[in-house]
């Protein structure tokens, strides 16, 4: 006889996401405003040249990526794809 077990896949699953997408965070807004401020300051003042301004923009971008990485660390987003199902649920 063939094995005809069926399984209810809706039991015990949650449709929650712990972190917001990057475009919905205040981190992105602060990063964009700070980058704009650095580039405007480089254009207006004589004390800050273009090379240093882009170096500061790079550092700001690295800091932003690290902060997003820390925010996403350990979070889980459900994708409803049966190919990526957790094998422990079977």
PDB file of N, CA and C in Angstrom:
ATOM      1  N   UNK A   1       0.816  -1.180   0.000  1.00  0.00           N
ATOM      2  CA  UNK A   1       0.000   0.000   0.000  1.00  0.00           C
ATOM      3  C   UNK A   1       0.868   1.255   0.000  1.00  0.00           C
ATOM      4  N   UNK A   2       0.446   2.243  -0.708  1.00  0.00           N
ATOM      5  CA  UNK A   2       1.203   3.492  -0.791  1.00  0.00           C
ATOM      6  C   UNK A   2       0.996   4.317   0.467  1.00  0.00           C
ATOM      7  N   UNK A   3       2.008   5.061   0.797  1.00  0.00           N
ATOM      8  CA  UNK A   3       1.945   5.949   1.953  1.00  0.00           C
ATOM      9  C   UNK A   3       1.132   7.181   1.568  1.00  0.00           C
ATOM     10  N   UNK A   4      -0.018   7.368   2.177  1.00  0.00           N
ATOM     11  CA  UNK A   4      -0.919   8.471   1.819  1.00  0.00           C
ATOM     12  C   UNK A   4      -1.086   9.461   2.969  1.00  0.00           C
ATOM     13  N   UNK A   5      -0.033   9.719   3.689  1.00  0.00           N
ATOM     14  CA  UNK A   5      -0.102  10.695   4.781  1.00  0.00           C
ATOM     15  C   UNK A   5      -0.306  12.093   4.211  1.00  0.00           C
ATOM     16  N   UNK A   6      -1.138  12.854   4.875  1.00  0.00           N
ATOM     17  CA  UNK A   6      -1.299  14.265   4.525  1.00  0.00           C
ATOM     18  C   UNK A   6      -0.917  15.098   5.727  1.00  0.00           C
ATOM     19  N   UNK A   7      -0.540  16.301   5.451  1.00  0.00           N
ATOM     20  CA  UNK A   7      -0.080  17.176   6.520  1.00  0.00           C
ATOM     21  C   UNK A   7      -0.694  18.553   6.355  1.00  0.00           C
ATOM     22  N   UNK A   8      -1.179  19.086   7.448  1.00  0.00           N
ATOM     23  CA  UNK A   8      -1.727  20.440   7.445  1.00  0.00           C
ATOM     24  C   UNK A   8      -0.565  21.404   7.637  1.00  0.00           C
ATOM     25  N   UNK A   9      -0.235  22.170   6.606  1.00  0.00           N
ATOM     26  CA  UNK A   9       0.920  23.064   6.675  1.00  0.00           C
ATOM     27  C   UNK A   9       0.614  24.402   7.322  1.00  0.00           C
ATOM     28  N   UNK A  10      -0.632  24.666   7.668  1.00  0.00           N
ATOM     29  CA  UNK A  10      -0.974  25.963   8.250  1.00  0.00           C
ATOM     30  C   UNK A  10      -0.872  25.970   9.765  1.00  0.00           C
ATOM     31  N   UNK A  11      -0.724  24.820  10.379  1.00  0.00           N
ATOM     32  CA  UNK A  11      -0.689  24.745  11.835  1.00  0.00           C
ATOM     33  C   UNK A  11       0.697  25.140  12.328  1.00  0.00           C
ATOM     34  N   UNK A  12       0.746  26.038  13.295  1.00  0.00           N
ATOM     35  CA  UNK A  12       1.988  26.397  13.952  1.00  0.00           C
ATOM     36  C   UNK A  12       2.845  27.400  13.203  1.00  0.00           C
ATOM     37  N   UNK A  13       2.353  28.014  12.170  1.00  0.00           N
ATOM     38  CA  UNK A  13       3.141  28.994  11.438  1.00  0.00           C
ATOM     39  C   UNK A  13       2.639  30.394  11.734  1.00  0.00           C
ATOM     40  N   UNK A  14       3.585  31.321  11.773  1.00  0.00           N
ATOM     41  CA  UNK A  14       3.236  32.719  11.989  1.00  0.00           C
ATOM     42  C   UNK A  14       3.657  33.531  10.775  1.00  0.00           C
ATOM     43  N   UNK A  15       2.861  34.476  10.400  1.00  0.00           N
ATOM     44  CA  UNK A  15       3.194  35.368   9.293  1.00  0.00           C
ATOM     45  C   UNK A  15       3.684  36.701   9.842  1.00  0.00           C
ATOM     46  N   UNK A  16       4.789  36.690  10.534  1.00  0.00           N
ATOM     47  CA  UNK A  16       5.325  37.916  11.104  1.00  0.00           C
ATOM     48  C   UNK A  16       6.706  38.181  10.542  1.00  0.00           C
ATOM     49  N   UNK A  17       7.043  39.429  10.483  1.00  0.00           N
ATOM     50  CA  UNK A  17       8.363  39.860  10.070  1.00  0.00           C
ATOM     51  C   UNK A  17       8.883  40.760  11.178  1.00  0.00           C
ATOM     52  N   UNK A  18      10.088  40.486  11.657  1.00  0.00           N
ATOM     53  CA  UNK A  18      10.611  41.235  12.798  1.00  0.00           C
ATOM     54  C   UNK A  18      11.113  42.614  12.430  1.00  0.00           C
ATOM     55  N   UNK A  19      11.677  42.769  11.250  1.00  0.00           N
ATOM     56  CA  UNK A  19      12.233  44.062  10.877  1.00  0.00           C
ATOM     57  C   UNK A  19      11.501  44.628   9.677  1.00  0.00           C
ATOM     58  N   UNK A  20      11.540  45.944   9.573  1.00  0.00           N
ATOM     59  CA  UNK A  20      10.902  46.626   8.449  1.00  0.00           C
ATOM     60  C   UNK A  20      11.855  46.620   7.250  1.00  0.00           C
ATOM     61  N   UNK A  21      11.316  46.774   6.044  1.00  0.00           N
ATOM     62  CA  UNK A  21      12.193  46.953   4.883  1.00  0.00           C
ATOM     63  C   UNK A  21      13.026  48.228   5.048  1.00  0.00           C
ATOM     64  N   UNK A  22      14.168  48.268   4.402  1.00  0.00           N
ATOM     65  CA  UNK A  22      15.105  49.377   4.586  1.00  0.00           C
ATOM     66  C   UNK A  22      14.503  50.724   4.230  1.00  0.00           C
ATOM     67  N   UNK A  23      13.658  50.786   3.215  1.00  0.00           N
ATOM     68  CA  UNK A  23      13.121  52.075   2.811  1.00  0.00           C
ATOM     69  C   UNK A  23      12.093  52.625   3.797  1.00  0.00           C
ATOM     70  N   UNK A  24      11.654  51.818   4.765  1.00  0.00           N
ATOM     71  CA  UNK A  24      10.684  52.276   5.759  1.00  0.00           C
ATOM     72  C   UNK A  24      11.337  52.679   7.080  1.00  0.00           C
ATOM     73  N   UNK A  25      12.641  52.689   7.159  1.00  0.00           N
ATOM     74  CA  UNK A  25      13.307  52.976   8.425  1.00  0.00           C
ATOM     75  C   UNK A  25      13.782  54.421   8.486  1.00  0.00           C
ATOM     76  N   UNK A  26      13.938  54.912   9.699  1.00  0.00           N
ATOM     77  CA  UNK A  26      14.494  56.248   9.877  1.00  0.00           C
ATOM     78  C   UNK A  26      15.995  56.241   9.607  1.00  0.00           C
ATOM     79  N   UNK A  27      16.623  55.069   9.689  1.00  0.00           N
ATOM     80  CA  UNK A  27      18.061  54.985   9.406  1.00  0.00           C
ATOM     81  C   UNK A  27      18.354  55.448   7.983  1.00  0.00           C
ATOM     82  N   UNK A  28      17.523  55.049   7.042  1.00  0.00           N
ATOM     83  CA  UNK A  28      17.737  55.439   5.648  1.00  0.00           C
ATOM     84  C   UNK A  28      17.583  56.942   5.473  1.00  0.00           C
ATOM     85  N   UNK A  29      16.589  57.517   6.118  1.00  0.00           N
ATOM     86  CA  UNK A  29      16.366  58.960   6.009  1.00  0.00           C
ATOM     87  C   UNK A  29      17.540  59.722   6.608  1.00  0.00           C
ATOM     88  N   UNK A  30      17.987  59.309   7.786  1.00  0.00           N
ATOM     89  CA  UNK A  30      19.128  59.973   8.437  1.00  0.00           C
ATOM     90  C   UNK A  30      20.376  59.835   7.586  1.00  0.00           C
ATOM     91  N   UNK A  31      20.603  58.640   7.028  1.00  0.00           N
ATOM     92  CA  UNK A  31      21.768  58.424   6.169  1.00  0.00           C
ATOM     93  C   UNK A  31      21.724  59.361   4.960  1.00  0.00           C
ATOM     94  N   UNK A  32      20.573  59.427   4.286  1.00  0.00           N
ATOM     95  CA  UNK A  32      20.451  60.260   3.086  1.00  0.00           C
ATOM     96  C   UNK A  32      20.652  61.741   3.408  1.00  0.00           C
ATOM     97  N   UNK A  33      20.073  62.207   4.517  1.00  0.00           N
ATOM     98  CA  UNK A  33      20.239  63.609   4.901  1.00  0.00           C
ATOM     99  C   UNK A  33      21.693  63.921   5.271  1.00  0.00           C
ATOM    100  N   UNK A  34      22.344  63.005   5.947  1.00  0.00           N
ATOM    101  CA  UNK A  34      23.740  63.217   6.331  1.00  0.00           C
ATOM    102  C   UNK A  34      24.642  63.235   5.106  1.00  0.00           C
ATOM    103  N   UNK A  35      24.408  62.319   4.176  1.00  0.00           N
ATOM    104  CA  UNK A  35      25.197  62.309   2.933  1.00  0.00           C
ATOM    105  C   UNK A  35      24.993  63.609   2.166  1.00  0.00           C
ATOM    106  N   UNK A  36      23.757  64.057   2.059  1.00  0.00           N
ATOM    107  CA  UNK A  36      23.482  65.326   1.376  1.00  0.00           C
ATOM    108  C   UNK A  36      24.183  66.475   2.086  1.00  0.00           C
ATOM    109  N   UNK A  37      24.156  66.474   3.418  1.00  0.00           N
ATOM    110  CA  UNK A  37      24.827  67.522   4.182  1.00  0.00           C
ATOM    111  C   UNK A  37      26.331  67.542   3.956  1.00  0.00           C
ATOM    112  N   UNK A  38      26.945  66.369   3.920  1.00  0.00           N
ATOM    113  CA  UNK A  38      28.396  66.295   3.689  1.00  0.00           C
ATOM    114  C   UNK A  38      28.734  66.800   2.293  1.00  0.00           C
ATOM    115  N   UNK A  39      27.967  66.388   1.295  1.00  0.00           N
ATOM    116  CA  UNK A  39      28.262  66.812  -0.076  1.00  0.00           C
ATOM    117  C   UNK A  39      27.987  68.301  -0.284  1.00  0.00           C
ATOM    118  N   UNK A  40      26.964  68.834   0.355  1.00  0.00           N
ATOM    119  CA  UNK A  40      26.698  70.277   0.270  1.00  0.00           C
ATOM    120  C   UNK A  40      27.808  71.052   0.974  1.00  0.00           C
ATOM    121  N   UNK A  41      28.235  70.564   2.132  1.00  0.00           N
ATOM    122  CA  UNK A  41      29.322  71.232   2.852  1.00  0.00           C
ATOM    123  C   UNK A  41      30.605  71.231   2.029  1.00  0.00           C
ATOM    124  N   UNK A  42      30.858  70.145   1.318  1.00  0.00           N
ATOM    125  CA  UNK A  42      32.056  70.088   0.480  1.00  0.00           C
ATOM    126  C   UNK A  42      31.973  71.080  -0.678  1.00  0.00           C
ATOM    127  N   UNK A  43      30.769  71.300  -1.193  1.00  0.00           N
ATOM    128  CA  UNK A  43      30.600  72.236  -2.305  1.00  0.00           C
ATOM    129  C   UNK A  43      30.676  73.694  -1.845  1.00  0.00           C
ATOM    130  N   UNK A  44      30.264  73.952  -0.606  1.00  0.00           N
ATOM    131  CA  UNK A  44      30.157  75.330  -0.131  1.00  0.00           C
ATOM    132  C   UNK A  44      31.434  75.814   0.557  1.00  0.00           C
ATOM    133  N   UNK A  45      32.045  74.966   1.350  1.00  0.00           N
ATOM    134  CA  UNK A  45      33.207  75.408   2.137  1.00  0.00           C
ATOM    135  C   UNK A  45      34.515  75.086   1.427  1.00  0.00           C
ATOM    136  N   UNK A  46      35.556  75.781   1.855  1.00  0.00           N
ATOM    137  CA  UNK A  46      36.881  75.526   1.305  1.00  0.00           C
ATOM    138  C   UNK A  46      37.669  74.545   2.168  1.00  0.00           C
ATOM    139  N   UNK A  47      37.179  74.272   3.376  1.00  0.00           N
ATOM    140  CA  UNK A  47      37.900  73.390   4.289  1.00  0.00           C
ATOM    141  C   UNK A  47      37.703  71.910   3.972  1.00  0.00           C
ATOM    142  N   UNK A  48      36.714  71.576   3.198  1.00  0.00           N
ATOM    143  CA  UNK A  48      36.386  70.183   2.899  1.00  0.00           C
ATOM    144  C   UNK A  48      36.424  69.989   1.390  1.00  0.00           C
ATOM    145  N   UNK A  49      37.392  69.187   0.927  1.00  0.00           N
ATOM    146  CA  UNK A  49      37.472  68.960  -0.511  1.00  0.00           C
ATOM    147  C   UNK A  49      36.663  67.722  -0.912  1.00  0.00           C
ATOM    148  N   UNK A  50      36.528  67.495  -2.192  1.00  0.00           N
ATOM    149  CA  UNK A  50      35.713  66.406  -2.707  1.00  0.00           C
ATOM    150  C   UNK A  50      36.200  65.033  -2.297  1.00  0.00           C
ATOM    151  N   UNK A  51      37.518  64.855  -2.262  1.00  0.00           N
ATOM    152  CA  UNK A  51      38.074  63.551  -1.884  1.00  0.00           C
ATOM    153  C   UNK A  51      37.679  63.190  -0.458  1.00  0.00           C
ATOM    154  N   UNK A  52      37.836  64.124   0.465  1.00  0.00           N
ATOM    155  CA  UNK A  52      37.458  63.855   1.860  1.00  0.00           C
ATOM    156  C   UNK A  52      35.951  63.665   2.000  1.00  0.00           C
ATOM    157  N   UNK A  53      35.170  64.442   1.258  1.00  0.00           N
ATOM    158  CA  UNK A  53      33.710  64.323   1.341  1.00  0.00           C
ATOM    159  C   UNK A  53      33.264  62.928   0.929  1.00  0.00           C
ATOM    160  N   UNK A  54      33.800  62.410  -0.174  1.00  0.00           N
ATOM    161  CA  UNK A  54      33.403  61.066  -0.616  1.00  0.00           C
ATOM    162  C   UNK A  54      33.936  59.992   0.324  1.00  0.00           C
ATOM    163  N   UNK A  55      35.057  60.254   0.981  1.00  0.00           N
ATOM    164  CA  UNK A  55      35.555  59.315   1.993  1.00  0.00           C
ATOM    165  C   UNK A  55      34.570  59.266   3.164  1.00  0.00           C
ATOM    166  N   UNK A  56      34.056  60.417   3.587  1.00  0.00           N
ATOM    167  CA  UNK A  56      33.075  60.446   4.668  1.00  0.00           C
ATOM    168  C   UNK A  56      31.760  59.792   4.249  1.00  0.00           C
ATOM    169  N   UNK A  57      31.354  59.991   3.000  1.00  0.00           N
ATOM    170  CA  UNK A  57      30.146  59.340   2.497  1.00  0.00           C
ATOM    171  C   UNK A  57      30.332  57.819   2.507  1.00  0.00           C
ATOM    172  N   UNK A  58      31.515  57.352   2.147  1.00  0.00           N
ATOM    173  CA  UNK A  58      31.788  55.904   2.189  1.00  0.00           C
ATOM    174  C   UNK A  58      31.687  55.377   3.610  1.00  0.00           C
ATOM    175  N   UNK A  59      32.243  56.104   4.565  1.00  0.00           N
ATOM    176  CA  UNK A  59      32.167  55.676   5.968  1.00  0.00           C
ATOM    177  C   UNK A  59      30.718  55.666   6.453  1.00  0.00           C
ATOM    178  N   UNK A  60      29.959  56.681   6.069  1.00  0.00           N
ATOM    179  CA  UNK A  60      28.542  56.709   6.444  1.00  0.00           C
ATOM    180  C   UNK A  60      27.793  55.516   5.847  1.00  0.00           C
ATOM    181  N   UNK A  61      28.111  55.182   4.620  1.00  0.00           N
ATOM    182  CA  UNK A  61      27.447  54.051   3.963  1.00  0.00           C
ATOM    183  C   UNK A  61      27.811  52.729   4.620  1.00  0.00           C
ATOM    184  N   UNK A  62      29.063  52.570   4.997  1.00  0.00           N
ATOM    185  CA  UNK A  62      29.486  51.358   5.703  1.00  0.00           C
ATOM    186  C   UNK A  62      28.756  51.255   7.043  1.00  0.00           C
ATOM    187  N   UNK A  63      28.669  52.367   7.758  1.00  0.00           N
ATOM    188  CA  UNK A  63      27.936  52.368   9.030  1.00  0.00           C
ATOM    189  C   UNK A  63      26.469  52.025   8.849  1.00  0.00           C
ATOM    190  N   UNK A  64      25.871  52.542   7.774  1.00  0.00           N
ATOM    191  CA  UNK A  64      24.465  52.231   7.492  1.00  0.00           C
ATOM    192  C   UNK A  64      24.289  50.750   7.192  1.00  0.00           C
ATOM    193  N   UNK A  65      25.177  50.187   6.388  1.00  0.00           N
ATOM    194  CA  UNK A  65      25.071  48.764   6.060  1.00  0.00           C
ATOM    195  C   UNK A  65      25.255  47.889   7.299  1.00  0.00           C
ATOM    196  N   UNK A  66      26.167  48.270   8.173  1.00  0.00           N
ATOM    197  CA  UNK A  66      26.367  47.512   9.412  1.00  0.00           C
ATOM    198  C   UNK A  66      25.121  47.605  10.289  1.00  0.00           C
ATOM    199  N   UNK A  67      24.529  48.799  10.395  1.00  0.00           N
ATOM    200  CA  UNK A  67      23.333  48.934  11.234  1.00  0.00           C
ATOM    201  C   UNK A  67      22.174  48.129  10.683  1.00  0.00           C
ATOM    202  N   UNK A  68      22.002  48.090   9.364  1.00  0.00           N
ATOM    203  CA  UNK A  68      20.941  47.270   8.769  1.00  0.00           C
ATOM    204  C   UNK A  68      21.232  45.789   8.949  1.00  0.00           C
ATOM    205  N   UNK A  69      22.496  45.418   8.845  1.00  0.00           N
ATOM    206  CA  UNK A  69      22.858  44.020   9.056  1.00  0.00           C
ATOM    207  C   UNK A  69      22.565  43.572  10.471  1.00  0.00           C
ATOM    208  N   UNK A  70      22.858  44.429  11.446  1.00  0.00           N
ATOM    209  CA  UNK A  70      22.559  44.098  12.832  1.00  0.00           C
ATOM    210  C   UNK A  70      21.055  44.041  13.069  1.00  0.00           C
ATOM    211  N   UNK A  71      20.309  44.912  12.408  1.00  0.00           N
ATOM    212  CA  UNK A  71      18.853  44.902  12.566  1.00  0.00           C
ATOM    213  C   UNK A  71      18.244  43.641  11.971  1.00  0.00           C
ATOM    214  N   UNK A  72      18.819  43.153  10.890  1.00  0.00           N
ATOM    215  CA  UNK A  72      18.288  41.966  10.227  1.00  0.00           C
ATOM    216  C   UNK A  72      18.828  40.662  10.807  1.00  0.00           C
ATOM    217  N   UNK A  73      19.875  40.729  11.604  1.00  0.00           N
ATOM    218  CA  UNK A  73      20.485  39.514  12.148  1.00  0.00           C
ATOM    219  C   UNK A  73      19.489  38.761  13.018  1.00  0.00           C
ATOM    220  N   UNK A  74      19.289  37.530  12.703  1.00  0.00           N
ATOM    221  CA  UNK A  74      18.392  36.700  13.497  1.00  0.00           C
ATOM    222  C   UNK A  74      16.933  36.873  13.176  1.00  0.00           C
ATOM    223  N   UNK A  75      16.591  37.745  12.253  1.00  0.00           N
ATOM    224  CA  UNK A  75      15.185  37.910  11.896  1.00  0.00           C
ATOM    225  C   UNK A  75      14.826  36.903  10.817  1.00  0.00           C
ATOM    226  N   UNK A  76      13.546  36.654  10.681  1.00  0.00           N
ATOM    227  CA  UNK A  76      13.069  35.669   9.720  1.00  0.00           C
ATOM    228  C   UNK A  76      11.882  36.244   8.977  1.00  0.00           C
ATOM    229  N   UNK A  77      11.960  36.220   7.672  1.00  0.00           N
ATOM    230  CA  UNK A  77      10.842  36.670   6.853  1.00  0.00           C
ATOM    231  C   UNK A  77      10.277  35.467   6.110  1.00  0.00           C
ATOM    232  N   UNK A  78       8.994  35.216   6.274  1.00  0.00           N
ATOM    233  CA  UNK A  78       8.343  34.086   5.616  1.00  0.00           C
ATOM    234  C   UNK A  78       8.143  34.418   4.154  1.00  0.00           C
ATOM    235  N   UNK A  79       8.474  33.459   3.270  1.00  0.00           N
ATOM    236  CA  UNK A  79       8.369  33.735   1.850  1.00  0.00           C
ATOM    237  C   UNK A  79       7.317  32.901   1.120  1.00  0.00           C
ATOM    238  N   UNK A  80       6.593  32.040   1.802  1.00  0.00           N
ATOM    239  CA  UNK A  80       5.510  31.230   1.226  1.00  0.00           C
ATOM    240  C   UNK A  80       5.954  30.340   0.069  1.00  0.00           C
ATOM    241  N   UNK A  81       7.221  30.051  -0.020  1.00  0.00           N
ATOM    242  CA  UNK A  81       7.725  29.174  -1.073  1.00  0.00           C
ATOM    243  C   UNK A  81       7.905  27.786  -0.489  1.00  0.00           C
ATOM    244  N   UNK A  82       7.191  26.778  -0.996  1.00  0.00           N
ATOM    245  CA  UNK A  82       7.298  25.443  -0.404  1.00  0.00           C
ATOM    246  C   UNK A  82       8.683  24.825  -0.573  1.00  0.00           C
ATOM    247  N   UNK A  83       9.464  25.294  -1.527  1.00  0.00           N
ATOM    248  CA  UNK A  83      10.811  24.755  -1.708  1.00  0.00           C
ATOM    249  C   UNK A  83      11.753  25.169  -0.598  1.00  0.00           C
ATOM    250  N   UNK A  84      11.455  26.280   0.102  1.00  0.00           N
ATOM    251  CA  UNK A  84      12.320  26.750   1.175  1.00  0.00           C
ATOM    252  C   UNK A  84      11.719  26.469   2.551  1.00  0.00           C
ATOM    253  N   UNK A  85      10.814  25.522   2.627  1.00  0.00           N
ATOM    254  CA  UNK A  85      10.163  25.172   3.893  1.00  0.00           C
ATOM    255  C   UNK A  85      11.194  24.605   4.865  1.00  0.00           C
ATOM    256  N   UNK A  86      10.974  24.865   6.125  1.00  0.00           N
ATOM    257  CA  UNK A  86      11.837  24.340   7.172  1.00  0.00           C
ATOM    258  C   UNK A  86      11.640  22.827   7.257  1.00  0.00           C
ATOM    259  N   UNK A  87      12.710  22.084   7.132  1.00  0.00           N
ATOM    260  CA  UNK A  87      12.592  20.630   7.143  1.00  0.00           C
ATOM    261  C   UNK A  87      12.239  20.072   8.511  1.00  0.00           C
ATOM    262  N   UNK A  88      12.372  20.855   9.570  1.00  0.00           N
ATOM    263  CA  UNK A  88      11.988  20.405  10.904  1.00  0.00           C
ATOM    264  C   UNK A  88      10.475  20.345  11.067  1.00  0.00           C
ATOM    265  N   UNK A  89       9.729  21.054  10.208  1.00  0.00           N
ATOM    266  CA  UNK A  89       8.268  21.045  10.282  1.00  0.00           C
ATOM    267  C   UNK A  89       7.658  19.794   9.679  1.00  0.00           C
ATOM    268  N   UNK A  90       8.440  19.009   8.972  1.00  0.00           N
ATOM    269  CA  UNK A  90       7.907  17.835   8.280  1.00  0.00           C
ATOM    270  C   UNK A  90       7.706  16.668   9.176  1.00  0.00           C
TER     271      UNK A  90
END
